[in-house]
Amino acid sequence: MTNRTNRLYKFGRFLLKPDERLLLRESEALPLTPKALETLIVLVERSGHVVSKDELMQAVWQDTFVEENGFTRNISVLRKVLGQRNSGNIFLRTT
């Protein structure tokens, strides 16, 4: 059994604490909906690998039907929170 407690992920100015369900920019907590945060956790845990839309939807929504706009909205929210448009940092890339 893998001990997954106290996982921390640092990228750019951000610190993601999945076990606390918390994203920080420097020391400021950033508000995210539960599904947007779960989406970010999946993407960060698979950093460096291509994650298909189907794979991401299965990981975040599992056996729940979700419309495409729910998925798209989460990605848009994450890009806004991560400041991709303003800073030039690219944490999420769509291919």
PDB file of N, CA and C in Angstrom:
ATOM      1  N   MET A   1       0.845  -1.177   0.000  1.00  0.00           N
ATOM      2  CA  MET A   1       0.000   0.000   0.000  1.00  0.00           C
ATOM      3  C   MET A   1       0.889   1.239   0.000  1.00  0.00           C
ATOM      4  N   THR A   2       0.585   2.202  -0.841  1.00  0.00           N
ATOM      5  CA  THR A   2       1.367   3.422  -0.949  1.00  0.00           C
ATOM      6  C   THR A   2       0.842   4.467   0.017  1.00  0.00           C
ATOM      7  N   ASN A   3       1.762   5.104   0.736  1.00  0.00           N
ATOM      8  CA  ASN A   3       1.376   6.189   1.630  1.00  0.00           C
ATOM      9  C   ASN A   3       1.314   7.470   0.811  1.00  0.00           C
ATOM     10  N   ARG A   4       0.134   8.014   0.641  1.00  0.00           N
ATOM     11  CA  ARG A   4      -0.040   9.201  -0.187  1.00  0.00           C
ATOM     12  C   ARG A   4      -0.344  10.433   0.656  1.00  0.00           C
ATOM     13  N   THR A   5      -0.087  10.376   1.945  1.00  0.00           N
ATOM     14  CA  THR A   5      -0.371  11.528   2.783  1.00  0.00           C
ATOM     15  C   THR A   5       0.732  12.554   2.640  1.00  0.00           C
ATOM     16  N   ASN A   6       0.380  13.792   2.869  1.00  0.00           N
ATOM     17  CA  ASN A   6       1.318  14.909   2.812  1.00  0.00           C
ATOM     18  C   ASN A   6       1.974  15.078   1.444  1.00  0.00           C
ATOM     19  N   ARG A   7       1.239  14.791   0.392  1.00  0.00           N
ATOM     20  CA  ARG A   7       1.766  15.033  -0.958  1.00  0.00           C
ATOM     21  C   ARG A   7       1.800  16.538  -1.197  1.00  0.00           C
ATOM     22  N   LEU A   8       2.892  17.000  -1.782  1.00  0.00           N
ATOM     23  CA  LEU A   8       3.049  18.406  -2.148  1.00  0.00           C
ATOM     24  C   LEU A   8       3.600  18.480  -3.556  1.00  0.00           C
ATOM     25  N   TYR A   9       3.075  19.399  -4.346  1.00  0.00           N
ATOM     26  CA  TYR A   9       3.565  19.610  -5.705  1.00  0.00           C
ATOM     27  C   TYR A   9       3.836  21.095  -5.882  1.00  0.00           C
ATOM     28  N   LYS A  10       5.052  21.420  -6.255  1.00  0.00           N
ATOM     29  CA  LYS A  10       5.425  22.814  -6.487  1.00  0.00           C
ATOM     30  C   LYS A  10       5.678  23.005  -7.979  1.00  0.00           C
ATOM     31  N   PHE A  11       5.062  24.045  -8.547  1.00  0.00           N
ATOM     32  CA  PHE A  11       5.289  24.398  -9.946  1.00  0.00           C
ATOM     33  C   PHE A  11       5.129  25.903 -10.065  1.00  0.00           C
ATOM     34  N   GLY A  12       6.136  26.538 -10.652  1.00  0.00           N
ATOM     35  CA  GLY A  12       6.125  27.993 -10.747  1.00  0.00           C
ATOM     36  C   GLY A  12       5.980  28.595  -9.367  1.00  0.00           C
ATOM     37  N   ARG A  13       5.060  29.536  -9.225  1.00  0.00           N
ATOM     38  CA  ARG A  13       4.783  30.190  -7.935  1.00  0.00           C
ATOM     39  C   ARG A  13       3.732  29.447  -7.119  1.00  0.00           C
ATOM     40  N   PHE A  14       3.349  28.269  -7.555  1.00  0.00           N
ATOM     41  CA  PHE A  14       2.231  27.546  -6.962  1.00  0.00           C
ATOM     42  C   PHE A  14       2.672  26.362  -6.118  1.00  0.00           C
ATOM     43  N   LEU A  15       1.881  26.074  -5.095  1.00  0.00           N
ATOM     44  CA  LEU A  15       2.049  24.881  -4.271  1.00  0.00           C
ATOM     45  C   LEU A  15       0.685  24.220  -4.173  1.00  0.00           C
ATOM     46  N   LEU A  16       0.610  22.963  -4.591  1.00  0.00           N
ATOM     47  CA  LEU A  16      -0.626  22.189  -4.548  1.00  0.00           C
ATOM     48  C   LEU A  16      -0.515  21.176  -3.421  1.00  0.00           C
ATOM     49  N   LYS A  17      -1.491  21.212  -2.528  1.00  0.00           N
ATOM     50  CA  LYS A  17      -1.571  20.272  -1.409  1.00  0.00           C
ATOM     51  C   LYS A  17      -2.837  19.440  -1.591  1.00  0.00           C
ATOM     52  N   PRO A  18      -2.747  18.345  -2.344  1.00  0.00           N
ATOM     53  CA  PRO A  18      -3.946  17.559  -2.647  1.00  0.00           C
ATOM     54  C   PRO A  18      -4.674  17.038  -1.418  1.00  0.00           C
ATOM     55  N   ASP A  19      -3.931  16.608  -0.401  1.00  0.00           N
ATOM     56  CA  ASP A  19      -4.574  16.034   0.776  1.00  0.00           C
ATOM     57  C   ASP A  19      -5.349  17.076   1.577  1.00  0.00           C
ATOM     58  N   GLU A  20      -4.950  18.338   1.450  1.00  0.00           N
ATOM     59  CA  GLU A  20      -5.660  19.427   2.118  1.00  0.00           C
ATOM     60  C   GLU A  20      -6.652  20.102   1.179  1.00  0.00           C
ATOM     61  N   ARG A  21      -6.676  19.634  -0.089  1.00  0.00           N
ATOM     62  CA  ARG A  21      -7.557  20.212  -1.116  1.00  0.00           C
ATOM     63  C   ARG A  21      -7.297  21.711  -1.232  1.00  0.00           C
ATOM     64  N   LEU A  22      -6.003  22.075  -1.424  1.00  0.00           N
ATOM     65  CA  LEU A  22      -5.593  23.462  -1.366  1.00  0.00           C
ATOM     66  C   LEU A  22      -4.560  23.771  -2.447  1.00  0.00           C
ATOM     67  N   LEU A  23      -4.782  24.899  -3.129  1.00  0.00           N
ATOM     68  CA  LEU A  23      -3.809  25.433  -4.082  1.00  0.00           C
ATOM     69  C   LEU A  23      -3.388  26.800  -3.569  1.00  0.00           C
ATOM     70  N   LEU A  24      -2.078  26.999  -3.436  1.00  0.00           N
ATOM     71  CA  LEU A  24      -1.532  28.269  -2.966  1.00  0.00           C
ATOM     72  C   LEU A  24      -0.700  28.912  -4.064  1.00  0.00           C
ATOM     73  N   ARG A  25      -0.805  30.233  -4.169  1.00  0.00           N
ATOM     74  CA  ARG A  25       0.118  31.011  -5.001  1.00  0.00           C
ATOM     75  C   ARG A  25       0.902  31.837  -4.000  1.00  0.00           C
ATOM     76  N   GLU A  26       2.189  31.489  -3.893  1.00  0.00           N
ATOM     77  CA  GLU A  26       3.018  32.000  -2.819  1.00  0.00           C
ATOM     78  C   GLU A  26       2.313  31.594  -1.524  1.00  0.00           C
ATOM     79  N   SER A  27       1.805  32.464  -0.702  1.00  0.00           N
ATOM     80  CA  SER A  27       1.122  32.005   0.520  1.00  0.00           C
ATOM     81  C   SER A  27      -0.392  32.250   0.472  1.00  0.00           C
ATOM     82  N   GLU A  28      -0.891  32.669  -0.687  1.00  0.00           N
ATOM     83  CA  GLU A  28      -2.310  32.982  -0.840  1.00  0.00           C
ATOM     84  C   GLU A  28      -3.091  31.764  -1.330  1.00  0.00           C
ATOM     85  N   ALA A  29      -4.118  31.384  -0.571  1.00  0.00           N
ATOM     86  CA  ALA A  29      -4.997  30.286  -0.982  1.00  0.00           C
ATOM     87  C   ALA A  29      -5.865  30.751  -2.144  1.00  0.00           C
ATOM     88  N   LEU A  30      -5.944  29.933  -3.179  1.00  0.00           N
ATOM     89  CA  LEU A  30      -6.731  30.271  -4.368  1.00  0.00           C
ATOM     90  C   LEU A  30      -8.025  29.464  -4.371  1.00  0.00           C
ATOM     91  N   PRO A  31      -9.146  30.131  -4.626  1.00  0.00           N
ATOM     92  CA  PRO A  31     -10.433  29.422  -4.616  1.00  0.00           C
ATOM     93  C   PRO A  31     -10.621  28.598  -5.892  1.00  0.00           C
ATOM     94  N   LEU A  32     -10.924  27.338  -5.714  1.00  0.00           N
ATOM     95  CA  LEU A  32     -11.236  26.450  -6.834  1.00  0.00           C
ATOM     96  C   LEU A  32     -12.435  25.590  -6.443  1.00  0.00           C
ATOM     97  N   THR A  33     -13.288  25.317  -7.412  1.00  0.00           N
ATOM     98  CA  THR A  33     -14.382  24.380  -7.157  1.00  0.00           C
ATOM     99  C   THR A  33     -13.783  22.991  -6.936  1.00  0.00           C
ATOM    100  N   PRO A  34     -14.509  22.114  -6.271  1.00  0.00           N
ATOM    101  CA  PRO A  34     -13.976  20.761  -6.047  1.00  0.00           C
ATOM    102  C   PRO A  34     -13.566  20.045  -7.338  1.00  0.00           C
ATOM    103  N   LYS A  35     -14.361  20.158  -8.399  1.00  0.00           N
ATOM    104  CA  LYS A  35     -14.032  19.463  -9.646  1.00  0.00           C
ATOM    105  C   LYS A  35     -12.841  20.111 -10.357  1.00  0.00           C
ATOM    106  N   ALA A  36     -12.715  21.428 -10.297  1.00  0.00           N
ATOM    107  CA  ALA A  36     -11.552  22.092 -10.890  1.00  0.00           C
ATOM    108  C   ALA A  36     -10.291  21.680 -10.139  1.00  0.00           C
ATOM    109  N   LEU A  37     -10.373  21.603  -8.819  1.00  0.00           N
ATOM    110  CA  LEU A  37      -9.218  21.176  -8.034  1.00  0.00           C
ATOM    111  C   LEU A  37      -8.856  19.729  -8.343  1.00  0.00           C
ATOM    112  N   GLU A  38      -9.851  18.868  -8.448  1.00  0.00           N
ATOM    113  CA  GLU A  38      -9.598  17.465  -8.778  1.00  0.00           C
ATOM    114  C   GLU A  38      -8.966  17.342 -10.165  1.00  0.00           C
ATOM    115  N   THR A  39      -9.431  18.153 -11.097  1.00  0.00           N
ATOM    116  CA  THR A  39      -8.838  18.169 -12.437  1.00  0.00           C
ATOM    117  C   THR A  39      -7.368  18.547 -12.351  1.00  0.00           C
ATOM    118  N   LEU A  40      -7.052  19.584 -11.588  1.00  0.00           N
ATOM    119  CA  LEU A  40      -5.671  20.018 -11.430  1.00  0.00           C
ATOM    120  C   LEU A  40      -4.817  18.925 -10.787  1.00  0.00           C
ATOM    121  N   ILE A  41      -5.340  18.267  -9.777  1.00  0.00           N
ATOM    122  CA  ILE A  41      -4.595  17.193  -9.107  1.00  0.00           C
ATOM    123  C   ILE A  41      -4.241  16.095 -10.102  1.00  0.00           C
ATOM    124  N   VAL A  42      -5.211  15.676 -10.894  1.00  0.00           N
ATOM    125  CA  VAL A  42      -4.947  14.626 -11.888  1.00  0.00           C
ATOM    126  C   VAL A  42      -3.862  15.076 -12.861  1.00  0.00           C
ATOM    127  N   LEU A  43      -3.978  16.300 -13.351  1.00  0.00           N
ATOM    128  CA  LEU A  43      -2.990  16.791 -14.318  1.00  0.00           C
ATOM    129  C   LEU A  43      -1.604  16.930 -13.700  1.00  0.00           C
ATOM    130  N   VAL A  44      -1.525  17.415 -12.488  1.00  0.00           N
ATOM    131  CA  VAL A  44      -0.218  17.577 -11.828  1.00  0.00           C
ATOM    132  C   VAL A  44       0.401  16.219 -11.534  1.00  0.00           C
ATOM    133  N   GLU A  45      -0.402  15.271 -11.075  1.00  0.00           N
ATOM    134  CA  GLU A  45       0.134  13.939 -10.772  1.00  0.00           C
ATOM    135  C   GLU A  45       0.621  13.218 -12.030  1.00  0.00           C
ATOM    136  N   ARG A  46       0.131  13.623 -13.179  1.00  0.00           N
ATOM    137  CA  ARG A  46       0.554  13.001 -14.450  1.00  0.00           C
ATOM    138  C   ARG A  46       1.400  13.969 -15.274  1.00  0.00           C
ATOM    139  N   SER A  47       2.000  14.916 -14.611  1.00  0.00           N
ATOM    140  CA  SER A  47       2.829  15.932 -15.274  1.00  0.00           C
ATOM    141  C   SER A  47       3.873  15.288 -16.176  1.00  0.00           C
ATOM    142  N   GLY A  48       4.029  15.871 -17.337  1.00  0.00           N
ATOM    143  CA  GLY A  48       4.990  15.352 -18.300  1.00  0.00           C
ATOM    144  C   GLY A  48       4.416  14.296 -19.225  1.00  0.00           C
ATOM    145  N   HIS A  49       3.171  13.921 -18.995  1.00  0.00           N
ATOM    146  CA  HIS A  49       2.509  12.906 -19.817  1.00  0.00           C
ATOM    147  C   HIS A  49       1.262  13.507 -20.448  1.00  0.00           C
ATOM    148  N   VAL A  50       0.942  13.048 -21.615  1.00  0.00           N
ATOM    149  CA  VAL A  50      -0.291  13.473 -22.264  1.00  0.00           C
ATOM    150  C   VAL A  50      -1.450  12.796 -21.549  1.00  0.00           C
ATOM    151  N   VAL A  51      -2.427  13.596 -21.180  1.00  0.00           N
ATOM    152  CA  VAL A  51      -3.644  13.077 -20.545  1.00  0.00           C
ATOM    153  C   VAL A  51      -4.792  13.375 -21.498  1.00  0.00           C
ATOM    154  N   SER A  52      -5.406  12.331 -22.025  1.00  0.00           N
ATOM    155  CA  SER A  52      -6.505  12.544 -22.965  1.00  0.00           C
ATOM    156  C   SER A  52      -7.727  13.091 -22.235  1.00  0.00           C
ATOM    157  N   LYS A  53      -8.590  13.717 -22.999  1.00  0.00           N
ATOM    158  CA  LYS A  53      -9.829  14.247 -22.430  1.00  0.00           C
ATOM    159  C   LYS A  53     -10.642  13.121 -21.805  1.00  0.00           C
ATOM    160  N   ASP A  54     -10.728  11.996 -22.479  1.00  0.00           N
ATOM    161  CA  ASP A  54     -11.493  10.859 -21.944  1.00  0.00           C
ATOM    162  C   ASP A  54     -10.883  10.350 -20.637  1.00  0.00           C
ATOM    163  N   GLU A  55      -9.567  10.258 -20.604  1.00  0.00           N
ATOM    164  CA  GLU A  55      -8.880   9.794 -19.394  1.00  0.00           C
ATOM    165  C   GLU A  55      -9.126  10.768 -18.231  1.00  0.00           C
ATOM    166  N   LEU A  56      -9.048  12.055 -18.517  1.00  0.00           N
ATOM    167  CA  LEU A  56      -9.262  13.071 -17.496  1.00  0.00           C
ATOM    168  C   LEU A  56     -10.709  13.053 -17.000  1.00  0.00           C
ATOM    169  N   MET A  57     -11.641  12.946 -17.923  1.00  0.00           N
ATOM    170  CA  MET A  57     -13.056  12.908 -17.537  1.00  0.00           C
ATOM    171  C   MET A  57     -13.349  11.667 -16.690  1.00  0.00           C
ATOM    172  N   GLN A  58     -12.751  10.535 -17.044  1.00  0.00           N
ATOM    173  CA  GLN A  58     -12.956   9.309 -16.266  1.00  0.00           C
ATOM    174  C   GLN A  58     -12.367   9.446 -14.863  1.00  0.00           C
ATOM    175  N   ALA A  59     -11.212  10.076 -14.752  1.00  0.00           N
ATOM    176  CA  ALA A  59     -10.558  10.233 -13.450  1.00  0.00           C
ATOM    177  C   ALA A  59     -11.321  11.198 -12.549  1.00  0.00           C
ATOM    178  N   VAL A  60     -11.860  12.259 -13.113  1.00  0.00           N
ATOM    179  CA  VAL A  60     -12.511  13.295 -12.302  1.00  0.00           C
ATOM    180  C   VAL A  60     -13.989  12.995 -12.070  1.00  0.00           C
ATOM    181  N   TRP A  61     -14.678  12.557 -13.096  1.00  0.00           N
ATOM    182  CA  TRP A  61     -16.119  12.340 -12.973  1.00  0.00           C
ATOM    183  C   TRP A  61     -16.496  10.875 -12.854  1.00  0.00           C
ATOM    184  N   GLN A  62     -15.572   9.976 -13.027  1.00  0.00           N
ATOM    185  CA  GLN A  62     -15.749   8.536 -12.929  1.00  0.00           C
ATOM    186  C   GLN A  62     -17.000   8.074 -13.647  1.00  0.00           C
ATOM    187  N   ASP A  63     -17.998   7.610 -12.955  1.00  0.00           N
ATOM    188  CA  ASP A  63     -19.184   7.035 -13.605  1.00  0.00           C
ATOM    189  C   ASP A  63     -20.316   8.027 -13.772  1.00  0.00           C
ATOM    190  N   THR A  64     -20.007   9.317 -13.666  1.00  0.00           N
ATOM    191  CA  THR A  64     -21.017  10.357 -13.787  1.00  0.00           C
ATOM    192  C   THR A  64     -20.980  10.944 -15.186  1.00  0.00           C
ATOM    193  N   PHE A  65     -22.134  11.159 -15.783  1.00  0.00           N
ATOM    194  CA  PHE A  65     -22.181  11.805 -17.086  1.00  0.00           C
ATOM    195  C   PHE A  65     -21.926  13.292 -16.898  1.00  0.00           C
ATOM    196  N   VAL A  66     -21.029  13.839 -17.701  1.00  0.00           N
ATOM    197  CA  VAL A  66     -20.765  15.276 -17.665  1.00  0.00           C
ATOM    198  C   VAL A  66     -20.754  15.782 -19.090  1.00  0.00           C
ATOM    199  N   GLU A  67     -21.346  16.925 -19.291  1.00  0.00           N
ATOM    200  CA  GLU A  67     -21.350  17.520 -20.623  1.00  0.00           C
ATOM    201  C   GLU A  67     -19.988  18.137 -20.905  1.00  0.00           C
ATOM    202  N   GLU A  68     -19.674  18.268 -22.156  1.00  0.00           N
ATOM    203  CA  GLU A  68     -18.384  18.814 -22.589  1.00  0.00           C
ATOM    204  C   GLU A  68     -18.122  20.199 -22.002  1.00  0.00           C
ATOM    205  N   ASN A  69     -19.170  21.011 -21.843  1.00  0.00           N
ATOM    206  CA  ASN A  69     -18.938  22.366 -21.329  1.00  0.00           C
ATOM    207  C   ASN A  69     -18.479  22.360 -19.870  1.00  0.00           C
ATOM    208  N   GLY A  70     -18.830  21.348 -19.083  1.00  0.00           N
ATOM    209  CA  GLY A  70     -18.336  21.228 -17.713  1.00  0.00           C
ATOM    210  C   GLY A  70     -16.835  20.981 -17.693  1.00  0.00           C
ATOM    211  N   PHE A  71     -16.412  20.118 -18.565  1.00  0.00           N
ATOM    212  CA  PHE A  71     -14.985  19.834 -18.708  1.00  0.00           C
ATOM    213  C   PHE A  71     -14.236  21.083 -19.178  1.00  0.00           C
ATOM    214  N   THR A  72     -14.751  21.723 -20.210  1.00  0.00           N
ATOM    215  CA  THR A  72     -14.121  22.918 -20.770  1.00  0.00           C
ATOM    216  C   THR A  72     -14.061  24.045 -19.752  1.00  0.00           C
ATOM    217  N   ARG A  73     -15.109  24.185 -18.968  1.00  0.00           N
ATOM    218  CA  ARG A  73     -15.153  25.223 -17.936  1.00  0.00           C
ATOM    219  C   ARG A  73     -14.047  25.005 -16.900  1.00  0.00           C
ATOM    220  N   ASN A  74     -13.834  23.755 -16.479  1.00  0.00           N
ATOM    221  CA  ASN A  74     -12.768  23.472 -15.507  1.00  0.00           C
ATOM    222  C   ASN A  74     -11.401  23.857 -16.043  1.00  0.00           C
ATOM    223  N   ILE A  75     -11.133  23.532 -17.283  1.00  0.00           N
ATOM    224  CA  ILE A  75      -9.838  23.874 -17.886  1.00  0.00           C
ATOM    225  C   ILE A  75      -9.699  25.390 -17.970  1.00  0.00           C
ATOM    226  N   SER A  76     -10.758  26.080 -18.347  1.00  0.00           N
ATOM    227  CA  SER A  76     -10.734  27.536 -18.435  1.00  0.00           C
ATOM    228  C   SER A  76     -10.474  28.174 -17.068  1.00  0.00           C
ATOM    229  N   VAL A  77     -11.141  27.677 -16.044  1.00  0.00           N
ATOM    230  CA  VAL A  77     -10.950  28.181 -14.677  1.00  0.00           C
ATOM    231  C   VAL A  77      -9.508  27.970 -14.243  1.00  0.00           C
ATOM    232  N   LEU A  78      -8.975  26.798 -14.512  1.00  0.00           N
ATOM    233  CA  LEU A  78      -7.590  26.518 -14.126  1.00  0.00           C
ATOM    234  C   LEU A  78      -6.615  27.443 -14.837  1.00  0.00           C
ATOM    235  N   ARG A  79      -6.818  27.653 -16.120  1.00  0.00           N
ATOM    236  CA  ARG A  79      -5.937  28.563 -16.852  1.00  0.00           C
ATOM    237  C   ARG A  79      -5.998  29.973 -16.273  1.00  0.00           C
ATOM    238  N   LYS A  80      -7.183  30.420 -15.910  1.00  0.00           N
ATOM    239  CA  LYS A  80      -7.333  31.752 -15.332  1.00  0.00           C
ATOM    240  C   LYS A  80      -6.627  31.843 -13.978  1.00  0.00           C
ATOM    241  N   VAL A  81      -6.859  30.856 -13.108  1.00  0.00           N
ATOM    242  CA  VAL A  81      -6.250  30.855 -11.780  1.00  0.00           C
ATOM    243  C   VAL A  81      -4.730  30.768 -11.868  1.00  0.00           C
ATOM    244  N   LEU A  82      -4.242  29.986 -12.830  1.00  0.00           N
ATOM    245  CA  LEU A  82      -2.798  29.834 -12.991  1.00  0.00           C
ATOM    246  C   LEU A  82      -2.170  31.028 -13.709  1.00  0.00           C
ATOM    247  N   GLY A  83      -3.006  31.922 -14.219  1.00  0.00           N
ATOM    248  CA  GLY A  83      -2.516  33.148 -14.835  1.00  0.00           C
ATOM    249  C   GLY A  83      -1.809  32.943 -16.154  1.00  0.00           C
ATOM    250  N   GLN A  84      -2.206  31.948 -16.903  1.00  0.00           N
ATOM    251  CA  GLN A  84      -1.512  31.658 -18.156  1.00  0.00           C
ATOM    252  C   GLN A  84      -1.591  32.793 -19.168  1.00  0.00           C
ATOM    253  N   ARG A  85      -2.688  33.472 -19.239  1.00  0.00           N
ATOM    254  CA  ARG A  85      -2.830  34.533 -20.243  1.00  0.00           C
ATOM    255  C   ARG A  85      -1.932  35.724 -19.934  1.00  0.00           C
ATOM    256  N   ASN A  86      -1.803  36.070 -18.658  1.00  0.00           N
ATOM    257  CA  ASN A  86      -1.065  37.267 -18.286  1.00  0.00           C
ATOM    258  C   ASN A  86       0.433  37.031 -18.151  1.00  0.00           C
ATOM    259  N   SER A  87       0.833  35.915 -17.612  1.00  0.00           N
ATOM    260  CA  SER A  87       2.236  35.714 -17.273  1.00  0.00           C
ATOM    261  C   SER A  87       3.042  35.035 -18.368  1.00  0.00           C
ATOM    262  N   GLY A  88       2.377  34.397 -19.308  1.00  0.00           N
ATOM    263  CA  GLY A  88       3.094  33.649 -20.330  1.00  0.00           C
ATOM    264  C   GLY A  88       3.476  32.244 -19.885  1.00  0.00           C
ATOM    265  N   ASN A  89       3.299  31.910 -18.607  1.00  0.00           N
ATOM    266  CA  ASN A  89       3.569  30.547 -18.141  1.00  0.00           C
ATOM    267  C   ASN A  89       2.543  29.606 -18.756  1.00  0.00           C
ATOM    268  N   ILE A  90       3.005  28.475 -19.201  1.00  0.00           N
ATOM    269  CA  ILE A  90       2.093  27.492 -19.777  1.00  0.00           C
ATOM    270  C   ILE A  90       2.160  26.239 -18.938  1.00  0.00           C
ATOM    271  N   PHE A  91       1.167  26.072 -18.066  1.00  0.00           N
ATOM    272  CA  PHE A  91       1.090  24.877 -17.249  1.00  0.00           C
ATOM    273  C   PHE A  91       0.154  23.856 -17.876  1.00  0.00           C
ATOM    274  N   LEU A  92      -0.844  24.328 -18.603  1.00  0.00           N
ATOM    275  CA  LEU A  92      -1.795  23.444 -19.274  1.00  0.00           C
ATOM    276  C   LEU A  92      -1.674  23.668 -20.773  1.00  0.00           C
ATOM    277  N   ARG A  93      -1.430  22.606 -21.474  1.00  0.00           N
ATOM    278  CA  ARG A  93      -1.290  22.716 -22.927  1.00  0.00           C
ATOM    279  C   ARG A  93      -2.269  21.765 -23.582  1.00  0.00           C
ATOM    280  N   THR A  94      -2.998  22.274 -24.558  1.00  0.00           N
ATOM    281  CA  THR A  94      -3.950  21.475 -25.308  1.00  0.00           C
ATOM    282  C   THR A  94      -3.330  21.132 -26.660  1.00  0.00           C
ATOM    283  N   THR A  95      -3.421  19.853 -27.012  1.00  0.00           N
ATOM    284  CA  THR A  95      -2.878  19.455 -28.324  1.00  0.00           C
ATOM    285  C   THR A  95      -3.972  18.940 -29.211  1.00  0.00           C
TER     286      THR A  95
END
